[in-house]
Amino acid sequence: MIKFFRRIRRTLLSEGKVGQYLKYAIGEIVLVVIGILIALQINNWNQNRIKHRNEQIYLLGLKEEFQISKLKLKELMAVNQQNYNGAKKIVEFMTSNNTTPNESIFSNLLYQTFSADIAFNPNNSLLNEMINSGNLKNLSNTDLRKQLTNWVSTLEDISTQEKDLGEQRIKVLDMLRTKENSLRTILEDAGVYDKLGLTKTEHEISNLDLLKSTEFENNVLMFILASDATEKAHYQPLMRDLDSILELINKEIE
């Protein structure tokens, strides 16, 4: 098309028709501008298409990660609740004048309550990659980007709380490491000795005197307080954040 206009311009110029020559020159410029604009529009459309495709890939990956993290949190909350209930049962034995457990029941209760450490380990590999590479900005939903950013700082707070809970747990376990008490008795009664292939002994040291110890009661109570705070002030809000993030992700997925 441009070559056609050029031939006409040359003819007009040779014939001295300057006015018509200028018109055709302007037409040629207009065609060039239109062509550039169309090319830019096609390029923008292609770039938006690629950006949208990449965003959908990220969204699907984030959905999978947060679904797995939700399952992990559910399991962790169940363990924390079990530990909390076990610790409460121990305190009830200590404050009740009519109910005293036998050695086996007490050992199993101690093992079930204090053997498991609490630590939330979410699947954040894709999210961390997006943050470190700057690709988080490619998510079009502003609320989703904000919640994903807040998620990282929330995990730091949870880790601090879990550390405090772990310290309270260790304080209880430390009382079982003294010469007056016996971890072996707990492990034997809980069936752990058999699983480890260790040989049981006839002589059993009782741990029931712990139920009369104010220090032990104080440590268990501190554990209960830390466990309760972990559940209500951290895990439950975190679960709500998980549900909110997954809801936003699902709305963006096509």
Protein backbone atom coordinates (compact mmCIF):
# COMPACT_ATOMS: atom_id res chain seq x y z
CA MET A 1 0.00 0.00 0.00
CA ILE A 2 2.80 2.42 0.91
CA LYS A 3 4.65 1.61 -2.34
CA PHE A 4 1.43 2.41 -4.24
CA PHE A 5 1.23 5.85 -2.60
CA ARG A 6 4.89 6.50 -3.34
CA ARG A 7 4.41 5.80 -7.04
CA ILE A 8 1.46 8.18 -7.14
CA ARG A 9 3.49 10.86 -5.32
CA ARG A 10 6.33 10.57 -7.80
CA THR A 11 3.89 10.89 -10.71
CA LEU A 12 2.19 13.91 -9.16
CA LEU A 13 5.52 15.54 -8.37
CA SER A 14 6.75 15.02 -11.93
CA GLU A 15 3.53 16.55 -13.24
CA GLY A 16 3.89 19.52 -10.88
CA LYS A 17 0.72 18.75 -8.92
CA VAL A 18 2.11 19.80 -5.52
CA GLY A 19 -1.24 20.06 -3.74
CA GLN A 20 -2.27 16.52 -4.56
CA TYR A 21 1.28 15.37 -3.79
CA LEU A 22 0.98 16.72 -0.25
CA LYS A 23 -2.36 15.01 0.24
CA TYR A 24 -0.92 11.65 -0.74
CA ALA A 25 2.15 12.27 1.47
CA ILE A 26 -0.08 12.95 4.43
CA GLY A 27 -2.09 9.82 3.63
CA GLU A 28 1.10 7.79 3.61
CA ILE A 29 2.03 9.18 7.05
CA VAL A 30 -1.43 8.38 8.38
CA LEU A 31 -1.14 4.81 7.14
CA VAL A 32 2.24 4.42 8.84
CA VAL A 33 0.85 5.76 12.13
CA ILE A 34 -2.17 3.46 11.93
CA GLY A 35 0.11 0.51 11.25
CA ILE A 36 2.25 1.36 14.28
CA LEU A 37 -0.82 1.71 16.50
CA ILE A 38 -2.19 -1.63 15.32
CA ALA A 39 1.17 -3.29 15.98
CA LEU A 40 1.30 -1.78 19.46
CA GLN A 41 -2.24 -2.94 20.16
CA ILE A 42 -1.43 -6.48 19.03
CA ASN A 43 1.72 -6.46 21.17
CA ASN A 44 -0.20 -5.19 24.22
CA TRP A 45 -2.88 -7.82 23.68
CA ASN A 46 -0.23 -10.53 23.45
CA GLN A 47 1.56 -9.27 26.55
CA ASN A 48 -1.72 -9.16 28.51
CA ARG A 49 -2.54 -12.66 27.34
CA ILE A 50 0.84 -13.96 28.55
CA LYS A 51 0.48 -12.06 31.85
CA HIS A 52 -3.01 -13.48 32.38
CA ARG A 53 -1.82 -17.02 31.60
CA ASN A 54 1.08 -16.69 34.05
CA GLU A 55 -1.26 -15.29 36.70
CA GLN A 56 -3.54 -18.30 36.35
CA ILE A 57 -0.55 -20.64 36.73
CA TYR A 58 0.49 -18.83 39.90
CA LEU A 59 -3.05 -18.89 41.26
CA LEU A 60 -3.39 -22.63 40.73
CA GLY A 61 -0.04 -23.21 42.42
CA LEU A 62 -0.95 -20.98 45.36
CA LYS A 63 -4.27 -22.76 45.74
CA GLU A 64 -2.54 -26.12 46.01
CA GLU A 65 -0.02 -24.76 48.52
CA PHE A 66 -2.63 -23.18 50.77
CA GLN A 67 -4.88 -26.23 50.65
CA ILE A 68 -1.98 -28.36 51.90
CA SER A 69 -1.16 -25.75 54.55
CA LYS A 70 -4.77 -25.82 55.70
CA LEU A 71 -4.66 -29.60 56.15
CA LYS A 72 -1.41 -29.26 58.11
CA LEU A 73 -2.92 -26.60 60.35
CA LYS A 74 -6.01 -28.74 61.01
CA GLU A 75 -3.82 -31.65 62.09
CA LEU A 76 -1.67 -29.38 64.25
CA MET A 77 -4.71 -27.85 65.93
CA ALA A 78 -5.96 -31.35 66.73
CA VAL A 79 -2.62 -32.24 68.34
CA ASN A 80 -2.58 -28.99 70.31
CA GLN A 81 -6.13 -29.64 71.50
CA GLN A 82 -5.17 -33.15 72.58
CA ASN A 83 -2.21 -31.80 74.54
CA TYR A 84 -4.40 -29.13 76.10
CA ASN A 85 -7.04 -31.64 77.17
CA GLY A 86 -4.40 -33.99 78.56
CA ALA A 87 -2.80 -31.21 80.62
CA LYS A 88 -6.21 -30.23 81.99
CA LYS A 89 -6.85 -33.85 82.97
CA ILE A 90 -3.57 -33.92 84.89
CA VAL A 91 -4.53 -30.77 86.82
CA GLU A 92 -7.94 -32.29 87.56
CA PHE A 93 -6.21 -35.32 89.07
CA MET A 94 -4.10 -32.98 91.19
CA THR A 95 -7.06 -31.02 92.53
CA SER A 96 -9.41 -33.96 93.06
CA ASN A 97 -9.37 -35.72 96.41
CA ASN A 98 -11.44 -38.65 95.19
CA THR A 99 -9.78 -39.55 91.86
CA THR A 100 -6.18 -40.72 91.60
CA PRO A 101 -4.91 -42.47 88.46
CA ASN A 102 -2.81 -45.60 88.58
CA GLU A 103 0.74 -45.55 87.27
CA SER A 104 -0.15 -46.81 83.80
CA ILE A 105 -2.93 -44.26 83.25
CA PHE A 106 -0.70 -41.42 84.47
CA SER A 107 2.20 -42.54 82.28
CA ASN A 108 0.04 -42.73 79.17
CA LEU A 109 -1.46 -39.33 79.95
CA LEU A 110 1.99 -37.77 80.35
CA TYR A 111 3.25 -39.34 77.12
CA GLN A 112 0.20 -38.35 75.06
CA THR A 113 0.28 -34.79 76.40
CA PHE A 114 3.95 -33.88 76.27
CA SER A 115 5.58 -36.13 73.66
CA ALA A 116 4.53 -34.08 70.62
CA ASP A 117 6.11 -30.73 69.85
CA ILE A 118 4.03 -28.07 68.10
CA ALA A 119 5.32 -26.32 64.97
CA PHE A 120 3.35 -25.13 61.94
CA ASN A 121 5.27 -25.73 58.72
CA PRO A 122 3.20 -24.37 55.83
CA ASN A 123 3.90 -24.97 52.14
CA ASN A 124 5.25 -21.59 51.05
CA SER A 125 7.80 -22.43 48.35
CA LEU A 126 5.84 -20.81 45.49
CA LEU A 127 4.78 -17.82 47.57
CA ASN A 128 8.37 -17.21 48.68
CA GLU A 129 9.56 -17.49 45.07
CA MET A 130 6.96 -14.94 43.98
CA ILE A 131 7.95 -12.51 46.74
CA ASN A 132 11.70 -12.87 46.16
CA SER A 133 11.39 -12.52 42.38
CA GLY A 134 8.91 -9.64 42.53
CA ASN A 135 6.22 -11.67 40.75
CA LEU A 136 3.70 -11.09 43.51
CA LYS A 137 2.85 -7.81 41.79
CA ASN A 138 1.58 -9.80 38.79
CA LEU A 139 -1.50 -10.82 40.77
CA SER A 140 -4.25 -8.43 39.74
CA ASN A 141 -6.30 -8.73 42.95
CA THR A 142 -5.02 -6.08 45.39
CA ASP A 143 -6.68 -7.68 48.42
CA LEU A 144 -5.07 -11.03 47.61
CA ARG A 145 -1.61 -9.46 47.29
CA LYS A 146 -2.10 -7.71 50.63
CA GLN A 147 -3.23 -10.87 52.43
CA LEU A 148 -0.37 -12.91 50.99
CA THR A 149 2.11 -10.29 52.22
CA ASN A 150 0.51 -10.24 55.68
CA TRP A 151 0.59 -14.05 55.75
CA VAL A 152 4.38 -14.06 55.97
CA SER A 153 4.49 -11.69 58.96
CA THR A 154 1.70 -13.63 60.66
CA LEU A 155 3.75 -16.82 60.43
CA GLU A 156 6.59 -15.09 62.25
CA ASP A 157 4.24 -14.22 65.15
CA ILE A 158 3.00 -17.82 65.26
CA SER A 159 6.54 -19.14 65.36
CA THR A 160 7.26 -16.94 68.39
CA GLN A 161 4.19 -18.27 70.18
CA GLU A 162 5.08 -21.87 69.34
CA LYS A 163 8.54 -21.28 70.76
CA ASP A 164 7.01 -20.12 74.06
CA LEU A 165 4.72 -23.17 74.10
CA GLY A 166 7.72 -25.41 73.48
CA GLU A 167 9.59 -23.83 76.38
CA GLN A 168 6.67 -24.52 78.73
CA ARG A 169 6.60 -28.12 77.50
CA ILE A 170 10.33 -28.53 78.18
CA LYS A 171 9.89 -27.24 81.72
CA VAL A 172 7.41 -30.05 82.39
CA LEU A 173 9.67 -32.65 80.78
CA ASP A 174 12.65 -31.43 82.81
CA MET A 175 10.87 -32.53 85.98
CA LEU A 176 10.73 -36.06 84.59
CA ARG A 177 14.50 -36.13 84.08
CA THR A 178 15.31 -35.84 87.80
CA LYS A 179 16.41 -38.77 89.95
CA GLU A 180 13.10 -38.68 91.82
CA ASN A 181 11.11 -39.47 88.67
CA SER A 182 11.47 -41.79 85.70
CA LEU A 183 11.07 -41.33 81.97
CA ARG A 184 11.59 -45.07 81.61
CA THR A 185 8.42 -45.78 83.58
CA ILE A 186 6.44 -43.52 81.25
CA LEU A 187 7.93 -45.05 78.10
CA GLU A 188 7.39 -48.60 79.33
CA ASP A 189 3.77 -48.00 80.35
CA ALA A 190 3.06 -46.16 77.07
CA GLY A 191 4.43 -49.09 75.04
CA VAL A 192 7.29 -47.06 73.57
CA TYR A 193 9.96 -49.34 75.06
CA ASP A 194 8.63 -52.28 73.05
CA LYS A 195 8.64 -50.26 69.82
CA LEU A 196 12.23 -49.20 70.44
CA GLY A 197 13.30 -52.77 71.16
CA LEU A 198 14.46 -51.91 74.69
CA THR A 199 14.33 -54.41 77.53
CA LYS A 200 11.93 -53.71 80.37
CA THR A 201 13.03 -53.96 84.00
CA GLU A 202 11.21 -55.34 86.99
CA HIS A 203 11.94 -52.31 89.13
CA GLU A 204 9.57 -49.46 88.37
CA ILE A 205 9.98 -45.94 89.72
CA SER A 206 6.64 -44.26 90.37
CA ASN A 207 5.89 -40.77 89.05
CA LEU A 208 2.65 -40.39 91.00
CA ASP A 209 4.28 -38.06 93.53
CA LEU A 210 4.31 -35.44 90.78
CA LEU A 211 0.58 -35.08 91.39
CA LYS A 212 1.46 -33.68 94.81
CA SER A 213 4.10 -31.26 93.51
CA THR A 214 3.21 -27.57 93.37
CA GLU A 215 6.11 -26.94 91.01
CA PHE A 216 4.83 -29.58 88.61
CA GLU A 217 1.32 -28.14 88.82
CA ASN A 218 2.64 -24.64 88.08
CA ASN A 219 4.53 -25.88 85.03
CA VAL A 220 1.51 -27.77 83.72
CA LEU A 221 -0.70 -24.71 84.26
CA MET A 222 1.75 -22.54 82.33
CA PHE A 223 1.67 -25.12 79.55
CA ILE A 224 -2.14 -24.98 79.53
CA LEU A 225 -2.11 -21.18 79.28
CA ALA A 226 0.40 -21.25 76.42
CA SER A 227 -1.54 -23.99 74.61
CA ASP A 228 -4.81 -22.08 74.96
CA ALA A 229 -3.22 -18.86 73.68
CA THR A 230 -1.71 -20.71 70.74
CA GLU A 231 -5.14 -22.05 69.78
CA LYS A 232 -7.33 -19.00 70.30
CA ALA A 233 -5.00 -16.10 69.58
CA HIS A 234 -3.00 -17.65 66.75
CA TYR A 235 -4.23 -20.88 65.16
CA GLN A 236 -7.91 -19.95 64.91
CA PRO A 237 -7.20 -16.51 63.33
CA LEU A 238 -4.66 -18.18 61.05
CA MET A 239 -7.30 -20.66 59.88
CA ARG A 240 -9.61 -17.74 59.09
CA ASP A 241 -6.80 -16.11 57.09
CA LEU A 242 -6.29 -19.37 55.19
CA ASP A 243 -9.97 -19.58 54.31
CA SER A 244 -10.02 -15.94 53.21
CA ILE A 245 -6.95 -16.35 51.00
CA LEU A 246 -8.34 -19.51 49.39
CA GLU A 247 -11.65 -17.76 48.76
CA LEU A 248 -9.87 -14.87 46.98
CA ILE A 249 -7.76 -17.29 44.95
CA ASN A 250 -10.80 -19.30 43.86
CA LYS A 251 -12.55 -16.11 42.70
CA GLU A 252 -9.59 -15.25 40.47
CA ILE A 253 -9.18 -18.70 38.93
CA GLU A 254 -10.95 -19.14 35.59
